[in-house]
Amino acid sequence: MTGTGSSSSDWVLISRLVRGPVPALCVLLASSCASLLRAPQPMAPEQAGAGAWERLTRLESFGFTLAFHTDVPFPIEVRFAGRRVQPDREMWAGCMRRRTETSRVELRAEGPDQYEKEQSGWRRTMRGIETRILEQGEGALRGRPLEFAGVEHGHYRYTFKPDLPILDPTRSKKLRGVMEVDPRSGLPVRLYCSDSAR
């Protein structure tokens, strides 16, 4: 190749190289470009907090864990790990404990449909909030002002008063919410809500 451009024979040479040891080529390209890239500058706390959940909704995919427990109207505990892929596919796996009974749960969802794994196979139902991770977080945050509470473990920390009818159907508990945001990406890394008894 010359400094002024490339000829057709140059492109043939490049295509032969790419057909060869691609993994080695990719590693070389990545290591040679790494010195040219700079880490993004941290966002200001007010900028990071205000749009954190919206930035999460624009990701092509992300993984999550979700856990909650409550004693109203009866003791229930849920622990899930999952993945969301745009535009709206979600995969959930975990366990649920109601009173003293524990069961394994696997859920899949896309569009208006939700599938739950049973002994006989997958049962299809109409999709509910239980397979909409973004809506669950939005519900807790919607219309709630965030108050910057400082930096903890390298993350911006915000407090707010959540609205969680699934955990507090009678709205009698004084709930407190905490959201932690990565200052460089502006993405939420933790959303935690509890009453005074945690």
N, C-alpha and C. Protein backbone atom coordinates (compact mmCIF):
# COMPACT_ATOMS: atom_id res chain seq x y z
N MET A 1 0.85 -1.18 0.00
CA MET A 1 0.00 0.00 0.00
C MET A 1 0.88 1.23 0.00
N THR A 2 0.41 2.24 -0.63
CA THR A 2 1.17 3.49 -0.67
C THR A 2 0.55 4.48 0.27
N GLY A 3 1.23 5.56 0.50
CA GLY A 3 0.70 6.59 1.40
C GLY A 3 -0.46 7.34 0.80
N THR A 4 -0.65 7.29 -0.53
CA THR A 4 -1.70 8.08 -1.15
C THR A 4 -2.98 7.29 -1.36
N GLY A 5 -2.98 6.00 -1.15
CA GLY A 5 -4.19 5.22 -1.36
C GLY A 5 -3.86 3.77 -1.48
N SER A 6 -4.79 2.99 -2.01
CA SER A 6 -4.56 1.55 -2.15
C SER A 6 -4.92 1.13 -3.55
N SER A 7 -4.25 0.13 -4.05
CA SER A 7 -4.56 -0.42 -5.36
C SER A 7 -5.38 -1.69 -5.17
N SER A 8 -5.92 -2.22 -6.30
CA SER A 8 -6.72 -3.45 -6.19
C SER A 8 -5.87 -4.62 -5.73
N SER A 9 -4.57 -4.63 -6.06
CA SER A 9 -3.71 -5.72 -5.60
C SER A 9 -3.52 -5.65 -4.08
N ASP A 10 -3.55 -4.43 -3.51
CA ASP A 10 -3.46 -4.28 -2.06
C ASP A 10 -4.67 -4.95 -1.39
N TRP A 11 -5.87 -4.77 -1.95
CA TRP A 11 -7.07 -5.35 -1.36
C TRP A 11 -7.04 -6.87 -1.45
N VAL A 12 -6.48 -7.41 -2.52
CA VAL A 12 -6.35 -8.87 -2.63
C VAL A 12 -5.44 -9.38 -1.52
N LEU A 13 -4.32 -8.67 -1.28
CA LEU A 13 -3.40 -9.05 -0.22
C LEU A 13 -4.09 -9.00 1.15
N ILE A 14 -4.86 -7.96 1.39
CA ILE A 14 -5.57 -7.82 2.66
C ILE A 14 -6.58 -8.95 2.82
N SER A 15 -7.33 -9.26 1.76
CA SER A 15 -8.33 -10.33 1.88
C SER A 15 -7.67 -11.67 2.15
N ARG A 16 -6.48 -11.90 1.58
CA ARG A 16 -5.77 -13.15 1.87
C ARG A 16 -5.33 -13.18 3.33
N LEU A 17 -4.90 -12.04 3.86
CA LEU A 17 -4.49 -11.97 5.26
C LEU A 17 -5.66 -12.25 6.19
N VAL A 18 -6.81 -11.69 5.87
CA VAL A 18 -7.98 -11.86 6.73
C VAL A 18 -8.45 -13.30 6.72
N ARG A 19 -8.32 -14.01 5.58
CA ARG A 19 -8.71 -15.41 5.53
C ARG A 19 -7.77 -16.28 6.34
N GLY A 20 -6.61 -15.78 6.65
CA GLY A 20 -5.61 -16.53 7.40
C GLY A 20 -5.94 -16.53 8.88
N PRO A 21 -4.96 -16.31 9.72
CA PRO A 21 -5.14 -16.41 11.18
C PRO A 21 -5.86 -15.20 11.75
N VAL A 22 -7.18 -15.18 11.63
CA VAL A 22 -7.98 -14.04 12.07
C VAL A 22 -7.83 -13.74 13.56
N PRO A 23 -7.85 -14.73 14.47
CA PRO A 23 -7.71 -14.39 15.89
C PRO A 23 -6.42 -13.62 16.18
N ALA A 24 -5.31 -14.02 15.57
CA ALA A 24 -4.05 -13.32 15.80
C ALA A 24 -4.13 -11.90 15.27
N LEU A 25 -4.75 -11.73 14.11
CA LEU A 25 -4.89 -10.41 13.51
C LEU A 25 -5.72 -9.52 14.41
N CYS A 26 -6.82 -10.05 14.95
CA CYS A 26 -7.69 -9.27 15.83
C CYS A 26 -6.95 -8.84 17.09
N VAL A 27 -6.18 -9.72 17.66
CA VAL A 27 -5.42 -9.39 18.87
C VAL A 27 -4.43 -8.29 18.58
N LEU A 28 -3.74 -8.39 17.43
CA LEU A 28 -2.77 -7.36 17.07
C LEU A 28 -3.45 -6.02 16.87
N LEU A 29 -4.59 -6.01 16.19
CA LEU A 29 -5.30 -4.76 15.96
C LEU A 29 -5.77 -4.16 17.28
N ALA A 30 -6.30 -4.99 18.15
CA ALA A 30 -6.80 -4.50 19.43
C ALA A 30 -5.67 -3.93 20.27
N SER A 31 -4.51 -4.61 20.28
CA SER A 31 -3.43 -4.11 21.11
C SER A 31 -2.78 -2.87 20.52
N SER A 32 -2.80 -2.75 19.18
CA SER A 32 -2.19 -1.56 18.59
C SER A 32 -3.10 -0.34 18.72
N CYS A 33 -4.41 -0.55 18.81
CA CYS A 33 -5.33 0.57 18.93
C CYS A 33 -5.55 0.98 20.38
N ALA A 34 -5.24 0.12 21.31
CA ALA A 34 -5.54 0.40 22.71
C ALA A 34 -4.87 1.67 23.20
N SER A 35 -3.66 1.94 22.73
CA SER A 35 -2.97 3.14 23.21
C SER A 35 -3.59 4.41 22.67
N LEU A 36 -4.36 4.29 21.57
CA LEU A 36 -4.99 5.48 20.99
C LEU A 36 -6.30 5.84 21.68
N LEU A 37 -6.91 4.87 22.35
CA LEU A 37 -8.20 5.11 23.00
C LEU A 37 -7.99 5.67 24.40
N ARG A 38 -8.87 6.56 24.80
CA ARG A 38 -8.83 7.11 26.14
C ARG A 38 -10.08 6.69 26.89
N ALA A 39 -9.93 6.47 28.16
CA ALA A 39 -11.09 6.15 28.98
C ALA A 39 -12.00 7.37 29.03
N PRO A 40 -13.32 7.17 28.97
CA PRO A 40 -14.22 8.31 29.02
C PRO A 40 -14.09 9.06 30.34
N GLN A 41 -14.29 10.35 30.27
CA GLN A 41 -14.25 11.17 31.47
C GLN A 41 -15.51 10.92 32.29
N PRO A 42 -15.41 10.92 33.60
CA PRO A 42 -16.61 10.72 34.43
C PRO A 42 -17.64 11.81 34.19
N MET A 43 -18.90 11.43 34.23
CA MET A 43 -20.00 12.38 34.13
C MET A 43 -20.14 13.12 35.45
N ALA A 44 -20.74 14.28 35.40
CA ALA A 44 -21.07 14.99 36.63
C ALA A 44 -22.18 14.22 37.33
N PRO A 45 -22.25 14.24 38.66
CA PRO A 45 -23.28 13.47 39.38
C PRO A 45 -24.71 13.76 38.92
N GLU A 46 -25.04 15.02 38.67
CA GLU A 46 -26.42 15.33 38.26
C GLU A 46 -26.74 14.81 36.87
N GLN A 47 -25.74 14.79 35.99
CA GLN A 47 -25.93 14.26 34.64
C GLN A 47 -26.06 12.74 34.67
N ALA A 48 -25.23 12.07 35.44
CA ALA A 48 -25.25 10.61 35.50
C ALA A 48 -26.55 10.09 36.10
N GLY A 49 -27.03 10.71 37.16
CA GLY A 49 -28.24 10.24 37.82
C GLY A 49 -29.49 10.47 37.01
N ALA A 50 -29.59 11.63 36.39
CA ALA A 50 -30.83 11.99 35.69
C ALA A 50 -31.17 11.05 34.54
N GLY A 51 -30.20 10.55 33.80
CA GLY A 51 -30.51 9.73 32.64
C GLY A 51 -30.06 8.29 32.74
N ALA A 52 -29.72 7.82 33.94
CA ALA A 52 -29.14 6.48 34.10
C ALA A 52 -30.06 5.38 33.59
N TRP A 53 -31.32 5.38 33.99
CA TRP A 53 -32.22 4.30 33.59
C TRP A 53 -32.50 4.34 32.10
N GLU A 54 -32.59 5.53 31.52
CA GLU A 54 -32.82 5.66 30.08
C GLU A 54 -31.63 5.09 29.29
N ARG A 55 -30.41 5.32 29.79
CA ARG A 55 -29.24 4.76 29.12
C ARG A 55 -29.28 3.23 29.16
N LEU A 56 -29.74 2.67 30.25
CA LEU A 56 -29.86 1.21 30.36
C LEU A 56 -30.85 0.67 29.34
N THR A 57 -31.95 1.36 29.11
CA THR A 57 -32.96 0.89 28.16
C THR A 57 -32.44 0.88 26.73
N ARG A 58 -31.39 1.65 26.44
CA ARG A 58 -30.86 1.71 25.08
C ARG A 58 -29.77 0.66 24.81
N LEU A 59 -29.35 -0.08 25.82
CA LEU A 59 -28.33 -1.11 25.61
C LEU A 59 -28.87 -2.23 24.75
N GLU A 60 -28.01 -2.80 23.92
CA GLU A 60 -28.41 -3.93 23.08
C GLU A 60 -28.73 -5.16 23.92
N SER A 61 -27.95 -5.37 24.98
CA SER A 61 -28.22 -6.48 25.90
C SER A 61 -27.51 -6.21 27.22
N PHE A 62 -28.01 -6.83 28.27
CA PHE A 62 -27.34 -6.75 29.57
C PHE A 62 -27.83 -7.89 30.46
N GLY A 63 -27.01 -8.24 31.45
CA GLY A 63 -27.38 -9.25 32.42
C GLY A 63 -27.80 -8.57 33.71
N PHE A 64 -28.54 -9.30 34.53
CA PHE A 64 -29.02 -8.73 35.79
C PHE A 64 -29.23 -9.82 36.82
N THR A 65 -29.27 -9.43 38.06
CA THR A 65 -29.73 -10.29 39.14
C THR A 65 -30.82 -9.52 39.87
N LEU A 66 -31.79 -10.25 40.37
CA LEU A 66 -32.91 -9.64 41.08
C LEU A 66 -33.22 -10.50 42.29
N ALA A 67 -33.35 -9.86 43.43
CA ALA A 67 -33.73 -10.57 44.65
C ALA A 67 -34.68 -9.68 45.44
N PHE A 68 -35.71 -10.29 46.00
CA PHE A 68 -36.56 -9.54 46.92
C PHE A 68 -37.21 -10.50 47.90
N HIS A 69 -37.58 -9.93 49.03
CA HIS A 69 -38.36 -10.69 50.00
C HIS A 69 -39.27 -9.73 50.75
N THR A 70 -40.39 -10.26 51.16
CA THR A 70 -41.37 -9.48 51.90
C THR A 70 -42.16 -10.41 52.81
N ASP A 71 -42.83 -9.84 53.78
CA ASP A 71 -43.67 -10.64 54.67
C ASP A 71 -45.14 -10.29 54.51
N VAL A 72 -45.48 -9.42 53.56
CA VAL A 72 -46.86 -8.99 53.36
C VAL A 72 -47.29 -9.37 51.94
N PRO A 73 -48.38 -10.03 51.71
CA PRO A 73 -49.36 -10.53 52.68
C PRO A 73 -48.91 -11.84 53.34
N PHE A 74 -47.86 -12.48 52.81
CA PHE A 74 -47.27 -13.67 53.44
C PHE A 74 -45.80 -13.70 53.05
N PRO A 75 -44.98 -14.47 53.77
CA PRO A 75 -43.54 -14.50 53.47
C PRO A 75 -43.25 -15.04 52.06
N ILE A 76 -42.48 -14.29 51.31
CA ILE A 76 -42.07 -14.71 49.97
C ILE A 76 -40.66 -14.19 49.71
N GLU A 77 -39.85 -15.02 49.07
CA GLU A 77 -38.49 -14.64 48.72
C GLU A 77 -38.20 -15.12 47.31
N VAL A 78 -37.59 -14.26 46.50
CA VAL A 78 -37.31 -14.57 45.10
C VAL A 78 -35.87 -14.20 44.80
N ARG A 79 -35.17 -15.07 44.06
CA ARG A 79 -33.80 -14.79 43.60
C ARG A 79 -33.69 -15.24 42.15
N PHE A 80 -33.32 -14.30 41.28
CA PHE A 80 -33.20 -14.59 39.85
C PHE A 80 -31.91 -14.03 39.29
N ALA A 81 -31.42 -14.67 38.25
CA ALA A 81 -30.39 -14.11 37.37
C ALA A 81 -30.99 -14.16 35.98
N GLY A 82 -30.65 -13.18 35.16
CA GLY A 82 -31.26 -13.16 33.84
C GLY A 82 -30.49 -12.32 32.86
N ARG A 83 -31.06 -12.25 31.66
CA ARG A 83 -30.46 -11.49 30.58
C ARG A 83 -31.57 -10.87 29.75
N ARG A 84 -31.34 -9.64 29.31
CA ARG A 84 -32.28 -8.95 28.43
C ARG A 84 -31.58 -8.65 27.13
N VAL A 85 -32.26 -8.93 26.00
CA VAL A 85 -31.73 -8.69 24.67
C VAL A 85 -32.76 -7.87 23.91
N GLN A 86 -32.31 -6.79 23.27
CA GLN A 86 -33.23 -5.94 22.52
C GLN A 86 -33.89 -6.72 21.40
N PRO A 87 -35.13 -6.44 21.00
CA PRO A 87 -35.91 -5.34 21.56
C PRO A 87 -36.59 -5.67 22.89
N ASP A 88 -36.99 -6.91 23.13
CA ASP A 88 -37.65 -7.17 24.41
C ASP A 88 -37.61 -8.64 24.84
N ARG A 89 -36.55 -9.35 24.51
CA ARG A 89 -36.42 -10.75 24.95
C ARG A 89 -35.78 -10.79 26.33
N GLU A 90 -36.33 -11.64 27.18
CA GLU A 90 -35.76 -11.80 28.52
C GLU A 90 -35.73 -13.27 28.90
N MET A 91 -34.65 -13.66 29.59
CA MET A 91 -34.48 -15.02 30.11
C MET A 91 -34.21 -14.91 31.60
N TRP A 92 -34.99 -15.61 32.39
CA TRP A 92 -34.89 -15.58 33.85
C TRP A 92 -34.71 -17.00 34.38
N ALA A 93 -33.86 -17.16 35.38
CA ALA A 93 -33.71 -18.45 36.06
C ALA A 93 -33.42 -18.19 37.52
N GLY A 94 -34.08 -18.93 38.39
CA GLY A 94 -33.86 -18.73 39.82
C GLY A 94 -34.78 -19.59 40.66
N CYS A 95 -35.03 -19.11 41.86
CA CYS A 95 -35.91 -19.86 42.75
C CYS A 95 -36.83 -18.91 43.51
N MET A 96 -37.94 -19.48 43.94
CA MET A 96 -38.95 -18.73 44.69
C MET A 96 -39.31 -19.54 45.93
N ARG A 97 -39.35 -18.85 47.07
CA ARG A 97 -39.76 -19.50 48.31
C ARG A 97 -41.01 -18.81 48.83
N ARG A 98 -42.10 -19.57 48.96
CA ARG A 98 -43.34 -19.06 49.54
C ARG A 98 -43.55 -19.78 50.85
N ARG A 99 -43.60 -19.01 51.91
CA ARG A 99 -43.66 -19.59 53.25
C ARG A 99 -42.50 -20.56 53.42
N THR A 100 -42.75 -21.87 53.41
CA THR A 100 -41.66 -22.84 53.60
C THR A 100 -41.39 -23.66 52.33
N GLU A 101 -42.12 -23.40 51.26
CA GLU A 101 -41.98 -24.17 50.03
C GLU A 101 -41.08 -23.43 49.03
N THR A 102 -40.02 -24.12 48.54
CA THR A 102 -39.10 -23.54 47.57
C THR A 102 -39.25 -24.25 46.24
N SER A 103 -39.28 -23.46 45.16
CA SER A 103 -39.39 -24.05 43.82
C SER A 103 -38.44 -23.35 42.86
N ARG A 104 -37.96 -24.12 41.89
CA ARG A 104 -37.10 -23.59 40.84
C ARG A 104 -37.98 -22.97 39.77
N VAL A 105 -37.55 -21.83 39.21
CA VAL A 105 -38.35 -21.12 38.22
C VAL A 105 -37.47 -20.76 37.02
N GLU A 106 -37.97 -21.07 35.81
CA GLU A 106 -37.33 -20.64 34.58
C GLU A 106 -38.38 -19.96 33.72
N LEU A 107 -38.07 -18.77 33.28
CA LEU A 107 -39.00 -17.99 32.48
C LEU A 107 -38.30 -17.48 31.22
N ARG A 108 -39.06 -17.40 30.13
CA ARG A 108 -38.60 -16.78 28.89
C ARG A 108 -39.74 -15.88 28.42
N ALA A 109 -39.37 -14.78 27.80
CA ALA A 109 -40.41 -13.86 27.33
C ALA A 109 -39.95 -13.12 26.09
N GLU A 110 -40.92 -12.86 25.23
CA GLU A 110 -40.68 -12.04 24.04
C GLU A 110 -42.02 -11.47 23.61
N GLY A 111 -42.04 -10.17 23.36
CA GLY A 111 -43.28 -9.53 22.94
C GLY A 111 -44.37 -9.75 23.98
N PRO A 112 -45.57 -10.16 23.56
CA PRO A 112 -46.67 -10.34 24.51
C PRO A 112 -46.69 -11.71 25.19
N ASP A 113 -45.74 -12.59 24.84
CA ASP A 113 -45.76 -13.96 25.34
C ASP A 113 -44.70 -14.22 26.40
N GLN A 114 -45.08 -15.08 27.33
CA GLN A 114 -44.19 -15.51 28.40
C GLN A 114 -44.27 -17.02 28.49
N TYR A 115 -43.13 -17.66 28.75
CA TYR A 115 -43.07 -19.11 28.84
C TYR A 115 -42.47 -19.49 30.18
N GLU A 116 -43.11 -20.45 30.86
CA GLU A 116 -42.60 -20.94 32.13
C GLU A 116 -42.34 -22.44 32.01
N LYS A 117 -41.15 -22.85 32.43
CA LYS A 117 -40.78 -24.26 32.32
C LYS A 117 -41.46 -25.05 33.43
N GLU A 118 -42.15 -26.12 33.02
CA GLU A 118 -42.79 -27.03 33.95
C GLU A 118 -42.28 -28.44 33.67
N GLN A 119 -42.67 -29.40 34.48
CA GLN A 119 -42.20 -30.78 34.28
C GLN A 119 -42.62 -31.32 32.92
N SER A 120 -43.79 -30.91 32.44
CA SER A 120 -44.31 -31.41 31.16
C SER A 120 -43.80 -30.62 29.95
N GLY A 121 -43.08 -29.54 30.17
CA GLY A 121 -42.59 -28.70 29.07
C GLY A 121 -42.81 -27.22 29.37
N TRP A 122 -42.80 -26.42 28.33
CA TRP A 122 -42.95 -24.97 28.49
C TRP A 122 -44.42 -24.59 28.38
N ARG A 123 -44.91 -23.85 29.37
CA ARG A 123 -46.29 -23.37 29.37
C ARG A 123 -46.30 -21.91 28.93
N ARG A 124 -47.12 -21.62 27.93
CA ARG A 124 -47.21 -20.26 27.38
C ARG A 124 -48.35 -19.50 28.03
N THR A 125 -48.07 -18.26 28.45
CA THR A 125 -49.10 -17.39 29.02
C THR A 125 -48.89 -15.97 28.49
N MET A 126 -49.80 -15.09 28.88
CA MET A 126 -49.64 -13.69 28.54
C MET A 126 -48.51 -13.11 29.41
N ARG A 127 -47.69 -12.29 28.85
CA ARG A 127 -46.54 -11.75 29.57
C ARG A 127 -46.96 -10.81 30.68
N GLY A 128 -46.30 -10.97 31.83
CA GLY A 128 -46.59 -10.13 32.98
C GLY A 128 -45.38 -9.29 33.36
N ILE A 129 -45.53 -8.52 34.40
CA ILE A 129 -44.47 -7.65 34.89
C ILE A 129 -43.27 -8.46 35.38
N GLU A 130 -43.49 -9.72 35.76
CA GLU A 130 -42.40 -10.53 36.30
C GLU A 130 -41.30 -10.82 35.29
N THR A 131 -41.56 -10.62 34.00
CA THR A 131 -40.50 -10.78 32.99
C THR A 131 -40.25 -9.47 32.24
N ARG A 132 -40.37 -8.39 32.95
CA ARG A 132 -40.08 -7.07 32.38
C ARG A 132 -39.17 -6.32 33.36
N ILE A 133 -37.88 -6.63 33.30
CA ILE A 133 -36.94 -6.07 34.26
C ILE A 133 -36.87 -4.55 34.19
N LEU A 134 -36.93 -3.98 32.99
CA LEU A 134 -36.84 -2.52 32.88
C LEU A 134 -38.06 -1.85 33.51
N GLU A 135 -39.24 -2.42 33.30
CA GLU A 135 -40.45 -1.83 33.88
C GLU A 135 -40.45 -1.94 35.40
N GLN A 136 -39.87 -3.00 35.93
CA GLN A 136 -39.81 -3.13 37.39
C GLN A 136 -38.96 -2.01 37.99
N GLY A 137 -37.81 -1.73 37.37
CA GLY A 137 -36.97 -0.64 37.86
C GLY A 137 -37.59 0.71 37.63
N GLU A 138 -38.20 0.90 36.45
CA GLU A 138 -38.87 2.17 36.16
C GLU A 138 -39.98 2.45 37.16
N GLY A 139 -40.71 1.39 37.53
CA GLY A 139 -41.81 1.56 38.47
C GLY A 139 -41.33 2.10 39.81
N ALA A 140 -40.20 1.62 40.26
CA ALA A 140 -39.65 2.10 41.53
C ALA A 140 -39.15 3.53 41.43
N LEU A 141 -38.61 3.90 40.26
CA LEU A 141 -37.99 5.22 40.08
C LEU A 141 -38.92 6.29 39.52
N ARG A 142 -39.98 5.88 38.82
CA ARG A 142 -40.81 6.82 38.06
C ARG A 142 -41.28 8.01 38.89
N GLY A 143 -40.93 9.19 38.42
CA GLY A 143 -41.37 10.42 39.06
C GLY A 143 -40.73 10.71 40.39
N ARG A 144 -39.73 9.95 40.75
CA ARG A 144 -39.08 10.14 42.05
C ARG A 144 -37.81 10.96 41.89
N PRO A 145 -37.68 12.04 42.63
CA PRO A 145 -36.44 12.82 42.54
C PRO A 145 -35.28 12.05 43.19
N LEU A 146 -34.12 12.10 42.52
CA LEU A 146 -32.91 11.47 43.04
C LEU A 146 -32.10 12.50 43.81
N GLU A 147 -31.59 12.09 44.94
CA GLU A 147 -30.74 12.97 45.73
C GLU A 147 -29.34 12.37 45.78
N PHE A 148 -28.35 13.13 45.31
CA PHE A 148 -26.98 12.65 45.29
C PHE A 148 -26.49 12.50 46.73
N ALA A 149 -25.98 11.30 47.06
CA ALA A 149 -25.56 11.01 48.43
C ALA A 149 -24.06 10.78 48.55
N GLY A 150 -23.32 10.95 47.46
CA GLY A 150 -21.87 10.80 47.52
C GLY A 150 -21.36 9.69 46.64
N VAL A 151 -20.08 9.36 46.84
CA VAL A 151 -19.42 8.32 46.06
C VAL A 151 -19.07 7.16 46.99
N GLU A 152 -19.41 5.95 46.56
CA GLU A 152 -19.11 4.76 47.36
C GLU A 152 -18.60 3.67 46.43
N HIS A 153 -17.45 3.10 46.74
CA HIS A 153 -16.83 2.05 45.93
C HIS A 153 -16.68 2.47 44.47
N GLY A 154 -16.40 3.74 44.23
CA GLY A 154 -16.20 4.24 42.87
C GLY A 154 -17.48 4.53 42.10
N HIS A 155 -18.65 4.37 42.74
CA HIS A 155 -19.92 4.63 42.07
C HIS A 155 -20.62 5.83 42.71
N TYR A 156 -21.34 6.58 41.88
CA TYR A 156 -22.20 7.62 42.42
C TYR A 156 -23.37 6.94 43.13
N ARG A 157 -23.75 7.48 44.26
CA ARG A 157 -24.84 6.90 45.05
C ARG A 157 -25.96 7.93 45.18
N TYR A 158 -27.18 7.52 44.87
CA TYR A 158 -28.36 8.40 44.93
C TYR A 158 -29.40 7.74 45.82
N THR A 159 -30.16 8.54 46.54
CA THR A 159 -31.27 8.02 47.33
C THR A 159 -32.58 8.57 46.77
N PHE A 160 -33.66 7.84 46.99
CA PHE A 160 -34.98 8.26 46.52
C PHE A 160 -36.03 7.50 47.32
N LYS A 161 -37.29 7.92 47.19
CA LYS A 161 -38.41 7.24 47.85
C LYS A 161 -39.15 6.42 46.80
N PRO A 162 -38.97 5.08 46.82
CA PRO A 162 -39.56 4.24 45.77
C PRO A 162 -41.04 3.97 45.98
N ASP A 163 -41.67 3.55 44.88
CA ASP A 163 -43.06 3.10 44.90
C ASP A 163 -43.05 1.66 44.43
N LEU A 164 -43.24 0.71 45.36
CA LEU A 164 -43.17 -0.72 45.04
C LEU A 164 -44.40 -1.45 45.56
N PRO A 165 -45.50 -1.39 44.82
CA PRO A 165 -46.73 -2.04 45.29
C PRO A 165 -46.60 -3.55 45.47
N ILE A 166 -45.69 -4.20 44.72
CA ILE A 166 -45.53 -5.64 44.87
C ILE A 166 -44.94 -6.00 46.24
N LEU A 167 -44.10 -5.13 46.78
CA LEU A 167 -43.51 -5.37 48.09
C LEU A 167 -44.25 -4.67 49.22
N ASP A 168 -45.02 -3.66 48.87
CA ASP A 168 -45.77 -2.91 49.88
C ASP A 168 -47.16 -2.61 49.34
N PRO A 169 -48.01 -3.65 49.19
CA PRO A 169 -49.33 -3.44 48.58
C PRO A 169 -50.23 -2.48 49.35
N THR A 170 -50.05 -2.41 50.66
CA THR A 170 -50.89 -1.52 51.46
C THR A 170 -50.29 -0.11 51.56
N ARG A 171 -49.09 0.06 51.02
CA ARG A 171 -48.37 1.34 51.06
C ARG A 171 -48.24 1.87 52.48
N SER A 172 -48.01 0.96 53.40
CA SER A 172 -47.90 1.33 54.80
C SER A 172 -46.45 1.39 55.28
N LYS A 173 -45.51 0.87 54.49
CA LYS A 173 -44.11 0.86 54.90
C LYS A 173 -43.41 2.13 54.42
N LYS A 174 -42.42 2.54 55.18
CA LYS A 174 -41.59 3.67 54.76
C LYS A 174 -40.40 3.10 54.01
N LEU A 175 -40.50 3.09 52.69
CA LEU A 175 -39.46 2.51 51.86
C LEU A 175 -38.39 3.55 51.51
N ARG A 176 -37.17 3.07 51.35
CA ARG A 176 -36.05 3.92 50.96
C ARG A 176 -35.35 3.25 49.80
N GLY A 177 -34.99 4.02 48.78
CA GLY A 177 -34.32 3.48 47.61
C GLY A 177 -32.92 4.03 47.47
N VAL A 178 -32.03 3.21 46.92
CA VAL A 178 -30.66 3.60 46.62
C VAL A 178 -30.35 3.14 45.21
N MET A 179 -29.80 4.03 44.39
CA MET A 179 -29.33 3.64 43.07
C MET A 179 -27.86 4.02 42.98
N GLU A 180 -27.05 3.06 42.51
CA GLU A 180 -25.63 3.32 42.29
C GLU A 180 -25.39 3.36 40.79
N VAL A 181 -24.61 4.34 40.35
CA VAL A 181 -24.37 4.57 38.92
C VAL A 181 -22.87 4.62 38.66
N ASP A 182 -22.44 3.95 37.60
CA ASP A 182 -21.04 4.03 37.18
C ASP A 182 -20.81 5.42 36.60
N PRO A 183 -19.87 6.20 37.14
CA PRO A 183 -19.70 7.58 36.67
C PRO A 183 -19.16 7.69 35.25
N ARG A 184 -18.48 6.65 34.73
CA ARG A 184 -17.92 6.73 33.38
C ARG A 184 -18.95 6.37 32.32
N SER A 185 -19.73 5.32 32.54
CA SER A 185 -20.73 4.92 31.54
C SER A 185 -22.07 5.60 31.78
N GLY A 186 -22.32 6.03 33.02
CA GLY A 186 -23.62 6.59 33.35
C GLY A 186 -24.69 5.53 33.48
N LEU A 187 -24.31 4.25 33.61
CA LEU A 187 -25.27 3.16 33.71
C LEU A 187 -25.50 2.77 35.16
N PRO A 188 -26.73 2.42 35.52
CA PRO A 188 -26.98 1.94 36.88
C PRO A 188 -26.35 0.57 37.08
N VAL A 189 -25.71 0.37 38.20
CA VAL A 189 -25.10 -0.93 38.51
C VAL A 189 -25.79 -1.59 39.69
N ARG A 190 -26.60 -0.83 40.42
CA ARG A 190 -27.32 -1.42 41.55
C ARG A 190 -28.54 -0.55 41.87
N LEU A 191 -29.67 -1.22 42.10
CA LEU A 191 -30.89 -0.56 42.55
C LEU A 191 -31.36 -1.35 43.76
N TYR A 192 -31.47 -0.69 44.90
CA TYR A 192 -31.78 -1.36 46.15
C TYR A 192 -32.88 -0.60 46.87
N CYS A 193 -33.91 -1.30 47.29
CA CYS A 193 -35.01 -0.68 48.03
C CYS A 193 -35.31 -1.51 49.27
N SER A 194 -35.61 -0.83 50.38
CA SER A 194 -35.93 -1.56 51.60
C SER A 194 -36.75 -0.68 52.54
N ASP A 195 -37.35 -1.35 53.54
CA ASP A 195 -37.98 -0.60 54.61
C ASP A 195 -36.97 -0.46 55.75
N SER A 196 -37.39 0.07 56.87
CA SER A 196 -36.46 0.32 57.97
C SER A 196 -35.88 -0.97 58.54
N ALA A 197 -36.58 -2.10 58.35
CA ALA A 197 -36.08 -3.39 58.85
C ALA A 197 -35.21 -4.10 57.82
N ARG A 198 -34.99 -3.45 56.68
CA ARG A 198 -34.20 -3.99 55.56
C ARG A 198 -34.84 -5.24 54.96
